[in-house]
């Protein structure tokens, strides 16, 4: 019985749990994997208000909240001109 409890406690730290129409992401790695973020970019977006919560040493976030955050961020970003493509002959 004690061995079974230890095994349950050592379940992977990163989890994805389906909640309604979105997913609850548990662990920084799960969030980074879902959105293709590096550790640097994860920290960058957290500092800028990405909706994720550090609880008991683990990050928790819901995909619906993060999607809404990125929609708002991309709407307010300055548009950048795309440089013309040059061909090398």
Protein backbone atom coordinates (compact mmCIF):
# COMPACT_ATOMS: atom_id res chain seq x y z
CA UNK A 1 0.00 0.00 0.00
CA UNK A 2 2.79 2.46 0.90
CA UNK A 3 4.58 1.56 -2.33
CA UNK A 4 1.39 2.29 -4.29
CA UNK A 5 1.16 5.76 -2.71
CA UNK A 6 4.78 6.50 -3.66
CA UNK A 7 4.06 5.50 -7.23
CA UNK A 8 1.01 7.79 -7.34
CA UNK A 9 3.10 10.70 -6.05
CA UNK A 10 5.72 10.18 -8.74
CA UNK A 11 3.26 10.53 -11.60
CA UNK A 12 4.65 12.80 -14.31
CA UNK A 13 4.84 16.39 -13.16
CA UNK A 14 3.42 17.67 -16.43
CA UNK A 15 -0.23 16.95 -17.10
CA UNK A 16 -2.96 17.99 -19.46
CA UNK A 17 -6.52 17.66 -18.18
CA UNK A 18 -9.53 18.24 -20.44
CA UNK A 19 -11.91 20.81 -18.94
CA UNK A 20 -15.06 21.76 -20.83
CA UNK A 21 -13.94 22.97 -24.28
CA UNK A 22 -10.37 23.82 -23.34
CA UNK A 23 -7.65 22.08 -21.44
CA UNK A 24 -6.14 22.64 -18.04
CA UNK A 25 -2.37 22.52 -18.39
CA UNK A 26 -0.39 21.58 -15.30
CA UNK A 27 3.33 22.26 -15.28
CA UNK A 28 5.46 24.73 -17.19
CA UNK A 29 6.50 22.04 -19.68
CA UNK A 30 2.88 21.25 -20.54
CA UNK A 31 2.20 24.95 -21.17
CA UNK A 32 5.39 25.41 -23.20
CA UNK A 33 4.67 22.29 -25.28
CA UNK A 34 1.08 23.36 -25.99
CA UNK A 35 2.17 26.79 -27.27
CA UNK A 36 5.61 25.97 -28.65
CA UNK A 37 7.38 28.24 -26.18
CA UNK A 38 10.97 28.05 -25.03
CA UNK A 39 11.73 28.58 -21.35
CA UNK A 40 12.84 32.13 -22.18
CA UNK A 41 9.60 32.94 -24.04
CA UNK A 42 7.51 31.30 -21.30
CA UNK A 43 9.11 33.65 -18.74
CA UNK A 44 8.75 36.58 -21.15
CA UNK A 45 4.98 36.06 -21.52
CA UNK A 46 4.46 35.33 -17.81
CA UNK A 47 6.09 38.69 -17.01
CA UNK A 48 3.73 40.35 -19.48
CA UNK A 49 0.62 38.88 -17.90
CA UNK A 50 0.02 35.51 -19.54
CA UNK A 51 -2.74 33.97 -17.41
CA UNK A 52 -0.98 31.17 -15.55
CA UNK A 53 -0.70 30.62 -11.83
CA UNK A 54 2.15 29.18 -9.81
CA UNK A 55 0.51 27.05 -7.15
CA UNK A 56 2.44 24.71 -4.83
CA UNK A 57 5.49 24.98 -7.07
CA UNK A 58 3.66 24.03 -10.29
CA UNK A 59 2.26 26.21 -13.05
CA UNK A 60 -1.45 25.89 -13.89
CA UNK A 61 -3.14 27.45 -16.90
CA UNK A 62 -6.26 26.96 -19.00
CA UNK A 63 -5.90 27.02 -22.77
CA UNK A 64 -9.00 29.18 -23.21
CA UNK A 65 -7.49 31.91 -21.00
CA UNK A 66 -4.13 31.80 -22.76
CA UNK A 67 -5.79 31.85 -26.20
CA UNK A 68 -7.78 34.94 -25.16
CA UNK A 69 -4.58 36.55 -23.85
CA UNK A 70 -2.71 35.96 -27.11
CA UNK A 71 -5.67 37.24 -29.16
CA UNK A 72 -5.61 40.49 -27.18
CA UNK A 73 -1.83 40.79 -27.37
CA UNK A 74 -1.67 40.25 -31.11
CA UNK A 75 -4.42 42.81 -31.71
CA UNK A 76 -2.44 45.51 -29.92
CA UNK A 77 0.99 44.67 -31.35
CA UNK A 78 2.52 47.19 -33.70
CA UNK A 79 2.37 46.07 -37.28
CA UNK A 80 5.75 45.54 -38.80
CA UNK A 81 6.51 45.88 -42.46
CA UNK A 82 7.64 42.68 -44.04
CA UNK A 83 10.88 43.29 -45.92
CA UNK A 84 10.68 42.52 -49.64
CA UNK A 85 12.21 39.22 -50.65
CA UNK A 86 15.37 39.49 -52.64
CA UNK A 87 16.48 36.87 -55.09
CA UNK A 88 20.07 35.98 -55.59
CA UNK A 89 21.09 35.23 -59.16
